[in-house]
Amino acid sequence: MTEPRARVSDSTQLSDTTRLSDTAQVDETAQLTSGRVAQRRRTRKAIVDASMSLLRRGIEPSVNDIAAAAEVSRRTVYLHFPTLDQLMLDATIALLSANTDAALAHIHSVDPRVRIAELVRAMGAETSELLPMGRRLVKLSADPPAADAPRPGMHRVRWIEWALEPLRERIAQRQFDDLVSSIAVVVGWEAFIVLIDVRGLTPDAAVDVCARTASTLVDSALRSLDGKR
């Protein structure tokens, strides 16, 4: 009677060992996958950072320049960015967005008119120095993005939504979305360049016009709310 029990026990131990082995393999696979994803992110960031560094220095970089600066191969650059234009677009957006993100962290007003005006001025800071890069951004974003690529203007939309956040609970979602869309038309490098090139304004004057126009749109939304009381 004891022998069958011994065989059952051995079978159970074998089953337990197999399960432990399977679990270990799953954990190892998960760790390897996670490691590869993390490595891809680091490599992609290194490529974008290298491109940004070259752009800051006024260099029109080639894939060879970027690969050398990032210490990767040309093939690796193309694995992450199928075209040089896409890489330049990402690097330019990152460069132009960094100062705005930093500036918004210091704005604590809950008045949407103040927030939107400060946002526009943050976006337009150093317009004179960054104008060539702004022109590049408009040029690179003129074509529609690839199906799996983010829209170039998503930073702008996020910033505008942040500025209007105090209004979100006071107006209907459709009105909020319409206001974001309206302000997106008059804020950003497209608007700055139209005012500078078509109207002949100085960069500072162009930023001021955009700030006043965006504030007027917010004022209109606020007056609409006051009229409903």
Protein backbone atom coordinates (compact mmCIF):
# COMPACT_ATOMS: atom_id res chain seq x y z
CA MET A 1 0.00 0.00 0.00
CA THR A 2 2.86 2.33 0.65
CA GLU A 3 4.46 1.89 -2.79
CA PRO A 4 1.58 3.50 -4.75
CA ARG A 5 1.62 6.37 -2.29
CA ALA A 6 5.32 6.83 -2.95
CA ARG A 7 4.67 6.96 -6.68
CA VAL A 8 1.88 9.52 -6.22
CA SER A 9 4.20 11.61 -4.08
CA ASP A 10 6.93 11.49 -6.72
CA SER A 11 4.43 12.50 -9.39
CA THR A 12 3.24 15.41 -7.27
CA GLN A 13 6.79 16.55 -6.65
CA LEU A 14 7.52 16.33 -10.37
CA SER A 15 4.41 18.35 -11.16
CA ASP A 16 5.35 20.99 -8.60
CA THR A 17 8.88 21.17 -10.00
CA THR A 18 7.52 21.57 -13.52
CA ARG A 19 5.23 24.38 -12.45
CA LEU A 20 8.08 26.14 -10.70
CA SER A 21 10.23 25.75 -13.80
CA ASP A 22 7.48 27.12 -16.03
CA THR A 23 6.98 30.09 -13.70
CA ALA A 24 10.70 30.81 -13.70
CA GLN A 25 10.76 30.72 -17.50
CA VAL A 26 7.80 33.10 -17.69
CA ASP A 27 9.46 35.49 -15.25
CA GLU A 28 12.72 35.34 -17.19
CA THR A 29 10.92 35.98 -20.49
CA ALA A 30 9.05 38.93 -18.96
CA GLN A 31 12.30 40.39 -17.62
CA LEU A 32 14.01 39.99 -21.00
CA THR A 33 11.06 41.62 -22.78
CA SER A 34 10.97 44.47 -20.28
CA GLY A 35 14.72 44.91 -20.64
CA ARG A 36 14.51 45.09 -24.42
CA VAL A 37 11.71 47.68 -24.25
CA ALA A 38 13.70 49.77 -21.79
CA GLN A 39 16.79 49.50 -23.98
CA ARG A 40 14.82 50.60 -27.06
CA ARG A 41 13.53 53.61 -25.16
CA ARG A 42 17.04 54.55 -24.04
CA THR A 43 18.37 54.18 -27.58
CA ARG A 44 15.54 56.24 -29.05
CA LYS A 45 16.10 58.96 -26.43
CA ALA A 46 19.83 58.98 -27.16
CA ILE A 47 19.11 59.48 -30.88
CA VAL A 48 16.64 62.33 -30.23
CA ASP A 49 18.96 63.95 -27.68
CA ALA A 50 21.87 63.81 -30.12
CA SER A 51 19.70 65.39 -32.82
CA MET A 52 18.60 68.13 -30.43
CA SER A 53 22.21 68.87 -29.50
CA LEU A 54 23.19 69.23 -33.15
CA LEU A 55 20.17 71.45 -33.89
CA ARG A 56 21.01 73.71 -30.92
CA ARG A 57 24.43 74.25 -32.48
CA GLY A 58 22.84 75.34 -35.75
CA ILE A 59 23.89 72.19 -37.59
CA GLU A 60 21.67 70.67 -40.28
CA PRO A 61 22.47 67.08 -39.29
CA SER A 62 22.68 64.08 -41.56
CA VAL A 63 21.91 60.54 -40.44
CA ASN A 64 25.67 59.95 -40.22
CA ASP A 65 26.07 63.00 -37.95
CA ILE A 66 23.28 61.82 -35.67
CA ALA A 67 24.51 58.23 -35.55
CA ALA A 68 28.01 59.39 -34.62
CA ALA A 69 26.73 61.78 -31.92
CA ALA A 70 24.42 59.12 -30.44
CA GLU A 71 27.13 56.42 -30.76
CA VAL A 72 24.85 54.09 -32.70
CA SER A 73 24.83 52.76 -36.25
CA ARG A 74 22.93 54.26 -39.17
CA ARG A 75 20.82 51.10 -39.18
CA THR A 76 19.82 51.71 -35.56
CA VAL A 77 18.75 55.26 -36.36
CA TYR A 78 16.55 54.01 -39.19
CA LEU A 79 15.09 51.25 -37.00
CA HIS A 80 13.69 53.93 -34.71
CA PHE A 81 13.00 56.60 -37.34
CA PRO A 82 12.19 55.40 -40.88
CA THR A 83 12.85 58.90 -42.26
CA LEU A 84 15.19 61.71 -41.30
CA ASP A 85 12.26 64.16 -41.46
CA GLN A 86 10.40 62.25 -38.74
CA LEU A 87 13.47 62.34 -36.51
CA MET A 88 13.96 66.05 -37.17
CA LEU A 89 10.30 66.69 -36.37
CA ASP A 90 10.52 64.85 -33.04
CA ALA A 91 13.78 66.58 -32.11
CA THR A 92 12.48 70.03 -33.08
CA ILE A 93 9.25 69.56 -31.12
CA ALA A 94 11.24 68.42 -28.10
CA LEU A 95 13.51 71.45 -28.30
CA LEU A 96 10.70 73.97 -28.69
CA SER A 97 8.57 72.30 -26.00
CA ALA A 98 11.17 72.11 -23.24
CA ASN A 99 11.09 75.83 -22.36
CA THR A 100 7.28 75.95 -22.39
CA ASP A 101 6.96 72.97 -20.07
CA ALA A 102 9.41 74.58 -17.65
CA ALA A 103 7.60 77.94 -17.75
CA LEU A 104 4.16 76.45 -17.10
CA ALA A 105 5.43 74.82 -13.91
CA HIS A 106 5.74 78.32 -12.41
CA ILE A 107 2.23 79.56 -13.29
CA HIS A 108 -0.15 79.12 -10.38
CA SER A 109 -3.05 81.44 -11.29
CA VAL A 110 -6.52 79.88 -11.57
CA ASP A 111 -7.75 82.65 -13.89
CA PRO A 112 -7.97 81.11 -17.38
CA ARG A 113 -7.31 84.52 -18.97
CA VAL A 114 -4.03 84.85 -17.10
CA ARG A 115 -3.10 81.24 -17.78
CA ILE A 116 -3.74 81.45 -21.53
CA ALA A 117 -1.80 84.72 -21.88
CA GLU A 118 1.13 83.31 -19.93
CA LEU A 119 1.02 80.16 -22.04
CA VAL A 120 1.28 82.13 -25.28
CA ARG A 121 4.17 84.17 -23.95
CA ALA A 122 5.93 81.00 -22.80
CA MET A 123 5.46 79.47 -26.26
CA GLY A 124 6.73 82.65 -27.88
CA ALA A 125 9.73 83.17 -25.60
CA GLU A 126 12.95 83.67 -27.57
CA THR A 127 10.97 83.74 -30.82
CA SER A 128 13.70 85.71 -32.58
CA GLU A 129 16.37 83.14 -31.75
CA LEU A 130 14.13 80.12 -32.39
CA LEU A 131 12.45 81.40 -35.57
CA PRO A 132 14.51 79.18 -37.92
CA MET A 133 13.56 76.17 -35.83
CA GLY A 134 9.91 77.26 -35.80
CA ARG A 135 9.98 77.47 -39.58
CA ARG A 136 11.43 73.96 -39.70
CA LEU A 137 8.64 72.70 -37.45
CA VAL A 138 5.93 74.18 -39.67
CA LYS A 139 7.59 72.76 -42.78
CA LEU A 140 8.02 69.27 -41.33
CA SER A 141 4.48 69.13 -39.94
CA ALA A 142 2.81 70.28 -43.18
CA ASP A 143 2.36 66.72 -44.40
CA PRO A 144 -0.11 64.47 -42.55
CA PRO A 145 1.56 62.20 -39.97
CA ALA A 146 1.92 58.48 -40.52
CA ALA A 147 -0.95 56.34 -39.30
CA ASP A 148 0.96 55.21 -36.20
CA ALA A 149 2.64 58.56 -35.46
CA PRO A 150 1.34 61.12 -32.94
CA ARG A 151 -0.01 64.39 -34.30
CA PRO A 152 2.65 67.13 -34.12
CA GLY A 153 0.31 69.57 -32.34
CA MET A 154 -0.50 67.38 -29.36
CA HIS A 155 1.80 69.39 -27.08
CA ARG A 156 -0.08 72.55 -27.99
CA VAL A 157 -3.47 70.95 -27.31
CA ARG A 158 -2.27 69.65 -23.94
CA TRP A 159 -0.99 73.11 -22.97
CA ILE A 160 -4.21 74.85 -24.00
CA GLU A 161 -6.29 72.32 -22.09
CA TRP A 162 -4.10 72.97 -19.05
CA ALA A 163 -4.64 76.74 -19.35
CA LEU A 164 -8.41 76.30 -19.65
CA GLU A 165 -8.71 73.69 -16.90
CA PRO A 166 -10.47 76.12 -14.49
CA LEU A 167 -13.29 76.36 -17.06
CA ARG A 168 -13.75 72.64 -17.60
CA GLU A 169 -16.41 72.16 -14.90
CA ARG A 170 -18.26 75.36 -15.83
CA ILE A 171 -19.02 74.71 -19.51
CA ALA A 172 -20.23 71.77 -21.55
CA GLN A 173 -17.60 69.44 -22.97
CA ARG A 174 -18.42 70.45 -26.54
CA GLN A 175 -17.97 74.13 -25.69
CA PHE A 176 -14.69 73.35 -23.96
CA ASP A 177 -13.44 71.40 -26.99
CA ASP A 178 -14.53 74.19 -29.36
CA LEU A 179 -12.67 76.76 -27.27
CA VAL A 180 -9.51 74.62 -27.32
CA SER A 181 -9.81 74.32 -31.11
CA SER A 182 -10.35 78.06 -31.56
CA ILE A 183 -7.32 78.95 -29.48
CA ALA A 184 -5.18 76.34 -31.27
CA VAL A 185 -5.74 78.32 -34.48
CA VAL A 186 -4.31 81.56 -33.06
CA VAL A 187 -1.53 80.13 -30.90
CA GLY A 188 1.66 78.49 -32.08
CA TRP A 189 4.38 78.78 -34.70
CA GLU A 190 1.96 78.89 -37.63
CA ALA A 191 0.32 82.00 -36.17
CA PHE A 192 3.66 83.57 -35.20
CA ILE A 193 5.07 83.08 -38.70
CA VAL A 194 1.96 84.46 -40.43
CA LEU A 195 2.16 87.60 -38.32
CA ILE A 196 5.91 87.98 -38.83
CA ASP A 197 6.04 87.13 -42.56
CA VAL A 198 2.65 88.29 -43.83
CA ARG A 199 1.95 91.19 -41.50
CA GLY A 200 5.56 92.20 -41.03
CA LEU A 201 5.37 92.33 -37.23
CA THR A 202 8.35 91.91 -34.98
CA PRO A 203 8.50 88.57 -33.15
CA ASP A 204 7.57 90.23 -29.84
CA ALA A 205 4.60 92.03 -31.44
CA ALA A 206 3.44 88.79 -33.03
CA VAL A 207 3.46 87.01 -29.68
CA ASP A 208 1.55 89.91 -28.10
CA VAL A 209 -1.16 89.77 -30.79
CA CYS A 210 -1.55 86.02 -30.27
CA ALA A 211 -1.78 86.46 -26.50
CA ARG A 212 -4.45 89.17 -26.80
CA THR A 213 -6.44 87.16 -29.34
CA ALA A 214 -6.39 84.02 -27.19
CA SER A 215 -7.42 86.05 -24.14
CA THR A 216 -10.32 87.57 -26.14
CA LEU A 217 -11.60 84.08 -26.93
CA VAL A 218 -11.48 83.15 -23.24
CA ASP A 219 -13.23 86.42 -22.32
CA SER A 220 -16.00 85.60 -24.78
CA ALA A 221 -16.51 82.20 -23.15
CA LEU A 222 -16.63 83.81 -19.70
CA ARG A 223 -19.14 86.46 -20.82
CA SER A 224 -21.29 83.69 -22.20
CA LEU A 225 -21.28 82.04 -18.79
CA ASP A 226 -22.15 85.34 -17.05
CA GLY A 227 -25.07 85.84 -19.45
CA LYS A 228 -26.57 82.52 -18.42
CA ARG A 229 -26.72 83.43 -14.75
